[in-house]
Amino acid sequence: MPKRKILILAVILMLSVINYQRISGHENVRPVLVVSLLTIGALIALLIVEIVKRIKYGKEGI
C-alpha cells in the first residue's frame, strides 16, 4: 500500500504542476495562483515524507 500511496501523490503532483503551467497571466498574483502554489508545496512535502518513510522502514512498510 505505501508504494501505491507514493504513486498517487506523484500523479496528483504532476497534474497540479501541469494545471499551474496552464494558467495564463503570471504577471499578476491572483488568489488562484497562490492556492495553486500552496497546493504544489503541500504535495511535494507529502511526497517527500512518504519517500523518507519508505527508505527508513524499507520494504516491510509501516
PDB file of N, CA and C in Angstrom:
ATOM      1  N   MET A   1       0.802  -1.207   0.000  1.00  0.00           N
ATOM      2  CA  MET A   1       0.000   0.000   0.000  1.00  0.00           C
ATOM      3  C   MET A   1       0.849   1.277   0.000  1.00  0.00           C
ATOM      4  N   PRO A   2       1.997   1.325   0.724  1.00  0.00           N
ATOM      5  CA  PRO A   2       2.803   2.553   0.687  1.00  0.00           C
ATOM      6  C   PRO A   2       3.308   2.891  -0.717  1.00  0.00           C
ATOM      7  N   LYS A   3       3.614   1.876  -1.521  1.00  0.00           N
ATOM      8  CA  LYS A   3       4.081   2.138  -2.879  1.00  0.00           C
ATOM      9  C   LYS A   3       2.974   2.797  -3.702  1.00  0.00           C
ATOM     10  N   ARG A   4       1.750   2.348  -3.503  1.00  0.00           N
ATOM     11  CA  ARG A   4       0.606   2.918  -4.209  1.00  0.00           C
ATOM     12  C   ARG A   4       0.362   4.361  -3.759  1.00  0.00           C
ATOM     13  N   LYS A   5       0.589   4.637  -2.479  1.00  0.00           N
ATOM     14  CA  LYS A   5       0.405   5.993  -1.948  1.00  0.00           C
ATOM     15  C   LYS A   5       1.389   6.959  -2.582  1.00  0.00           C
ATOM     16  N   ILE A   6       2.629   6.535  -2.733  1.00  0.00           N
ATOM     17  CA  ILE A   6       3.653   7.371  -3.366  1.00  0.00           C
ATOM     18  C   ILE A   6       3.283   7.629  -4.824  1.00  0.00           C
ATOM     19  N   LEU A   7       2.812   6.604  -5.505  1.00  0.00           N
ATOM     20  CA  LEU A   7       2.424   6.752  -6.906  1.00  0.00           C
ATOM     21  C   LEU A   7       1.253   7.726  -7.059  1.00  0.00           C
ATOM     22  N   ILE A   8       0.261   7.612  -6.202  1.00  0.00           N
ATOM     23  CA  ILE A   8      -0.900   8.512  -6.255  1.00  0.00           C
ATOM     24  C   ILE A   8      -0.477   9.951  -5.986  1.00  0.00           C
ATOM     25  N   LEU A   9       0.362  10.167  -4.977  1.00  0.00           N
ATOM     26  CA  LEU A   9       0.844  11.522  -4.687  1.00  0.00           C
ATOM     27  C   LEU A   9       1.645  12.092  -5.850  1.00  0.00           C
ATOM     28  N   ALA A  10       2.463  11.266  -6.479  1.00  0.00           N
ATOM     29  CA  ALA A  10       3.267  11.735  -7.610  1.00  0.00           C
ATOM     30  C   ALA A  10       2.375  12.130  -8.791  1.00  0.00           C
ATOM     31  N   VAL A  11       1.343  11.361  -9.048  1.00  0.00           N
ATOM     32  CA  VAL A  11       0.435  11.678 -10.153  1.00  0.00           C
ATOM     33  C   VAL A  11      -0.333  12.966  -9.867  1.00  0.00           C
ATOM     34  N   ILE A  12      -0.822  13.120  -8.646  1.00  0.00           N
ATOM     35  CA  ILE A  12      -1.554  14.335  -8.284  1.00  0.00           C
ATOM     36  C   ILE A  12      -0.631  15.550  -8.360  1.00  0.00           C
ATOM     37  N   LEU A  13       0.613  15.403  -7.926  1.00  0.00           N
ATOM     38  CA  LEU A  13       1.579  16.495  -8.015  1.00  0.00           C
ATOM     39  C   LEU A  13       1.840  16.865  -9.470  1.00  0.00           C
ATOM     40  N   MET A  14       1.997  15.869 -10.320  1.00  0.00           N
ATOM     41  CA  MET A  14       2.228  16.142 -11.732  1.00  0.00           C
ATOM     42  C   MET A  14       1.043  16.875 -12.347  1.00  0.00           C
ATOM     43  N   LEU A  15      -0.167  16.465 -12.019  1.00  0.00           N
ATOM     44  CA  LEU A  15      -1.353  17.150 -12.533  1.00  0.00           C
ATOM     45  C   LEU A  15      -1.444  18.582 -12.018  1.00  0.00           C
ATOM     46  N   SER A  16      -1.057  18.807 -10.779  1.00  0.00           N
ATOM     47  CA  SER A  16      -1.083  20.155 -10.216  1.00  0.00           C
ATOM     48  C   SER A  16      -0.090  21.075 -10.921  1.00  0.00           C
ATOM     49  N   VAL A  17       1.099  20.560 -11.191  1.00  0.00           N
ATOM     50  CA  VAL A  17       2.109  21.365 -11.878  1.00  0.00           C
ATOM     51  C   VAL A  17       1.664  21.675 -13.304  1.00  0.00           C
ATOM     52  N   ILE A  18       1.095  20.692 -13.982  1.00  0.00           N
ATOM     53  CA  ILE A  18       0.599  20.926 -15.340  1.00  0.00           C
ATOM     54  C   ILE A  18      -0.525  21.956 -15.325  1.00  0.00           C
ATOM     55  N   ASN A  19      -1.416  21.859 -14.352  1.00  0.00           N
ATOM     56  CA  ASN A  19      -2.508  22.822 -14.235  1.00  0.00           C
ATOM     57  C   ASN A  19      -1.966  24.223 -13.939  1.00  0.00           C
ATOM     58  N   TYR A  20      -0.935  24.330 -13.128  1.00  0.00           N
ATOM     59  CA  TYR A  20      -0.340  25.631 -12.822  1.00  0.00           C
ATOM     60  C   TYR A  20       0.277  26.257 -14.073  1.00  0.00           C
ATOM     61  N   GLN A  21       0.939  25.461 -14.871  1.00  0.00           N
ATOM     62  CA  GLN A  21       1.560  25.979 -16.091  1.00  0.00           C
ATOM     63  C   GLN A  21       0.515  26.400 -17.118  1.00  0.00           C
ATOM     64  N   ARG A  22      -0.661  25.824 -17.034  1.00  0.00           N
ATOM     65  CA  ARG A  22      -1.730  26.137 -17.970  1.00  0.00           C
ATOM     66  C   ARG A  22      -2.358  27.497 -17.694  1.00  0.00           C
ATOM     67  N   ILE A  23      -2.269  27.987 -16.462  1.00  0.00           N
ATOM     68  CA  ILE A  23      -2.860  29.262 -16.080  1.00  0.00           C
ATOM     69  C   ILE A  23      -2.099  30.397 -16.759  1.00  0.00           C
ATOM     70  N   SER A  24      -2.835  31.250 -17.446  1.00  0.00           N
ATOM     71  CA  SER A  24      -2.178  32.372 -18.119  1.00  0.00           C
ATOM     72  C   SER A  24      -2.192  33.599 -17.213  1.00  0.00           C
ATOM     73  N   GLY A  25      -1.330  34.538 -17.507  1.00  0.00           N
ATOM     74  CA  GLY A  25      -1.298  35.774 -16.737  1.00  0.00           C
ATOM     75  C   GLY A  25      -0.508  35.669 -15.450  1.00  0.00           C
ATOM     76  N   HIS A  26       0.747  35.257 -15.551  1.00  0.00           N
ATOM     77  CA  HIS A  26       1.590  35.137 -14.361  1.00  0.00           C
ATOM     78  C   HIS A  26       2.130  36.489 -13.882  1.00  0.00           C
ATOM     79  N   GLU A  27       1.831  37.559 -14.614  1.00  0.00           N
ATOM     80  CA  GLU A  27       2.381  38.850 -14.215  1.00  0.00           C
ATOM     81  C   GLU A  27       1.689  39.417 -12.968  1.00  0.00           C
ATOM     82  N   ASN A  28       0.438  39.058 -12.761  1.00  0.00           N
ATOM     83  CA  ASN A  28      -0.283  39.497 -11.559  1.00  0.00           C
ATOM     84  C   ASN A  28      -0.508  38.302 -10.647  1.00  0.00           C
ATOM     85  N   VAL A  29      -0.297  38.508  -9.368  1.00  0.00           N
ATOM     86  CA  VAL A  29      -0.508  37.424  -8.416  1.00  0.00           C
ATOM     87  C   VAL A  29      -1.984  37.410  -8.049  1.00  0.00           C
ATOM     88  N   ARG A  30      -2.639  36.365  -8.467  1.00  0.00           N
ATOM     89  CA  ARG A  30      -4.053  36.208  -8.179  1.00  0.00           C
ATOM     90  C   ARG A  30      -4.222  35.129  -7.118  1.00  0.00           C
ATOM     91  N   PRO A  31      -5.373  35.132  -6.446  1.00  0.00           N
ATOM     92  CA  PRO A  31      -5.599  34.094  -5.424  1.00  0.00           C
ATOM     93  C   PRO A  31      -5.499  32.675  -5.971  1.00  0.00           C
ATOM     94  N   VAL A  32      -5.877  32.481  -7.228  1.00  0.00           N
ATOM     95  CA  VAL A  32      -5.783  31.147  -7.819  1.00  0.00           C
ATOM     96  C   VAL A  32      -4.330  30.689  -7.889  1.00  0.00           C
ATOM     97  N   LEU A  33      -3.431  31.604  -8.220  1.00  0.00           N
ATOM     98  CA  LEU A  33      -2.005  31.251  -8.283  1.00  0.00           C
ATOM     99  C   LEU A  33      -1.457  30.920  -6.901  1.00  0.00           C
ATOM    100  N   VAL A  34      -1.865  31.684  -5.912  1.00  0.00           N
ATOM    101  CA  VAL A  34      -1.385  31.430  -4.548  1.00  0.00           C
ATOM    102  C   VAL A  34      -1.849  30.065  -4.061  1.00  0.00           C
ATOM    103  N   VAL A  35      -3.117  29.759  -4.296  1.00  0.00           N
ATOM    104  CA  VAL A  35      -3.642  28.459  -3.872  1.00  0.00           C
ATOM    105  C   VAL A  35      -2.951  27.333  -4.641  1.00  0.00           C
ATOM    106  N   SER A  36      -2.703  27.534  -5.919  1.00  0.00           N
ATOM    107  CA  SER A  36      -2.009  26.515  -6.710  1.00  0.00           C
ATOM    108  C   SER A  36      -0.602  26.268  -6.179  1.00  0.00           C
ATOM    109  N   LEU A  37       0.113  27.336  -5.885  1.00  0.00           N
ATOM    110  CA  LEU A  37       1.474  27.178  -5.355  1.00  0.00           C
ATOM    111  C   LEU A  37       1.480  26.521  -3.980  1.00  0.00           C
ATOM    112  N   LEU A  38       0.536  26.875  -3.130  1.00  0.00           N
ATOM    113  CA  LEU A  38       0.452  26.237  -1.808  1.00  0.00           C
ATOM    114  C   LEU A  38       0.118  24.756  -1.934  1.00  0.00           C
ATOM    115  N   THR A  39      -0.749  24.417  -2.861  1.00  0.00           N
ATOM    116  CA  THR A  39      -1.103  23.016  -3.076  1.00  0.00           C
ATOM    117  C   THR A  39       0.096  22.224  -3.588  1.00  0.00           C
ATOM    118  N   ILE A  40       0.829  22.801  -4.530  1.00  0.00           N
ATOM    119  CA  ILE A  40       2.014  22.123  -5.048  1.00  0.00           C
ATOM    120  C   ILE A  40       3.040  21.924  -3.932  1.00  0.00           C
ATOM    121  N   GLY A  41       3.235  22.924  -3.101  1.00  0.00           N
ATOM    122  CA  GLY A  41       4.159  22.802  -1.975  1.00  0.00           C
ATOM    123  C   GLY A  41       3.740  21.726  -0.988  1.00  0.00           C
ATOM    124  N   ALA A  42       2.445  21.672  -0.687  1.00  0.00           N
ATOM    125  CA  ALA A  42       1.947  20.656   0.242  1.00  0.00           C
ATOM    126  C   ALA A  42       2.113  19.255  -0.340  1.00  0.00           C
ATOM    127  N   LEU A  43       1.841  19.102  -1.620  1.00  0.00           N
ATOM    128  CA  LEU A  43       2.003  17.792  -2.256  1.00  0.00           C
ATOM    129  C   LEU A  43       3.467  17.359  -2.288  1.00  0.00           C
ATOM    130  N   ILE A  44       4.362  18.303  -2.541  1.00  0.00           N
ATOM    131  CA  ILE A  44       5.794  17.980  -2.507  1.00  0.00           C
ATOM    132  C   ILE A  44       6.206  17.531  -1.106  1.00  0.00           C
ATOM    133  N   ALA A  45       5.711  18.237  -0.093  1.00  0.00           N
ATOM    134  CA  ALA A  45       6.045  17.863   1.289  1.00  0.00           C
ATOM    135  C   ALA A  45       5.525  16.464   1.617  1.00  0.00           C
ATOM    136  N   LEU A  46       4.283  16.160   1.230  1.00  0.00           N
ATOM    137  CA  LEU A  46       3.732  14.833   1.485  1.00  0.00           C
ATOM    138  C   LEU A  46       4.508  13.744   0.751  1.00  0.00           C
ATOM    139  N   LEU A  47       4.895  14.028  -0.468  1.00  0.00           N
ATOM    140  CA  LEU A  47       5.654  13.053  -1.243  1.00  0.00           C
ATOM    141  C   LEU A  47       7.022  12.801  -0.622  1.00  0.00           C
ATOM    142  N   ILE A  48       7.683  13.845  -0.156  1.00  0.00           N
ATOM    143  CA  ILE A  48       8.986  13.683   0.497  1.00  0.00           C
ATOM    144  C   ILE A  48       8.848  12.869   1.776  1.00  0.00           C
ATOM    145  N   VAL A  49       7.821  13.138   2.557  1.00  0.00           N
ATOM    146  CA  VAL A  49       7.607  12.382   3.800  1.00  0.00           C
ATOM    147  C   VAL A  49       7.386  10.904   3.499  1.00  0.00           C
ATOM    148  N   GLU A  50       6.575  10.609   2.497  1.00  0.00           N
ATOM    149  CA  GLU A  50       6.320   9.208   2.154  1.00  0.00           C
ATOM    150  C   GLU A  50       7.579   8.516   1.638  1.00  0.00           C
ATOM    151  N   ILE A  51       8.382   9.207   0.860  1.00  0.00           N
ATOM    152  CA  ILE A  51       9.618   8.610   0.357  1.00  0.00           C
ATOM    153  C   ILE A  51      10.600   8.359   1.497  1.00  0.00           C
ATOM    154  N   VAL A  52      10.706   9.296   2.418  1.00  0.00           N
ATOM    155  CA  VAL A  52      11.596   9.114   3.568  1.00  0.00           C
ATOM    156  C   VAL A  52      11.124   7.947   4.431  1.00  0.00           C
ATOM    157  N   LYS A  53       9.813   7.816   4.639  1.00  0.00           N
ATOM    158  CA  LYS A  53       9.284   6.671   5.389  1.00  0.00           C
ATOM    159  C   LYS A  53       9.624   5.373   4.686  1.00  0.00           C
ATOM    160  N   ARG A  54       9.483   5.383   3.384  1.00  0.00           N
ATOM    161  CA  ARG A  54       9.764   4.179   2.591  1.00  0.00           C
ATOM    162  C   ARG A  54      11.240   3.792   2.705  1.00  0.00           C
ATOM    163  N   ILE A  55      12.116   4.771   2.662  1.00  0.00           N
ATOM    164  CA  ILE A  55      13.548   4.497   2.782  1.00  0.00           C
ATOM    165  C   ILE A  55      13.888   4.047   4.198  1.00  0.00           C
ATOM    166  N   LYS A  56      13.300   4.723   5.193  1.00  0.00           N
ATOM    167  CA  LYS A  56      13.625   4.425   6.588  1.00  0.00           C
ATOM    168  C   LYS A  56      13.172   3.030   7.008  1.00  0.00           C
ATOM    169  N   TYR A  57      11.956   2.665   6.630  1.00  0.00           N
ATOM    170  CA  TYR A  57      11.412   1.382   7.072  1.00  0.00           C
ATOM    171  C   TYR A  57      11.625   0.258   6.076  1.00  0.00           C
ATOM    172  N   GLY A  58      12.152   0.569   4.930  1.00  0.00           N
ATOM    173  CA  GLY A  58      12.435  -0.471   3.950  1.00  0.00           C
ATOM    174  C   GLY A  58      11.172  -0.976   3.275  1.00  0.00           C
ATOM    175  N   LYS A  59      11.246  -2.182   2.770  1.00  0.00           N
ATOM    176  CA  LYS A  59      10.135  -2.741   2.022  1.00  0.00           C
ATOM    177  C   LYS A  59       9.032  -3.297   2.898  1.00  0.00           C
ATOM    178  N   GLU A  60       9.283  -3.458   4.191  1.00  0.00           N
ATOM    179  CA  GLU A  60       8.258  -4.067   5.050  1.00  0.00           C
ATOM    180  C   GLU A  60       7.071  -3.164   5.275  1.00  0.00           C
ATOM    181  N   GLY A  61       7.237  -1.860   5.038  1.00  0.00           N
ATOM    182  CA  GLY A  61       6.111  -0.937   5.222  1.00  0.00           C
ATOM    183  C   GLY A  61       5.928  -0.549   6.670  1.00  0.00           C
ATOM    184  N   ILE A  62       4.866   0.164   6.924  1.00  0.00           N
ATOM    185  CA  ILE A  62       4.596   0.641   8.289  1.00  0.00           C
ATOM    186  C   ILE A  62       3.440  -0.115   8.867  1.00  0.00           C
TER     187      ILE A  62
END
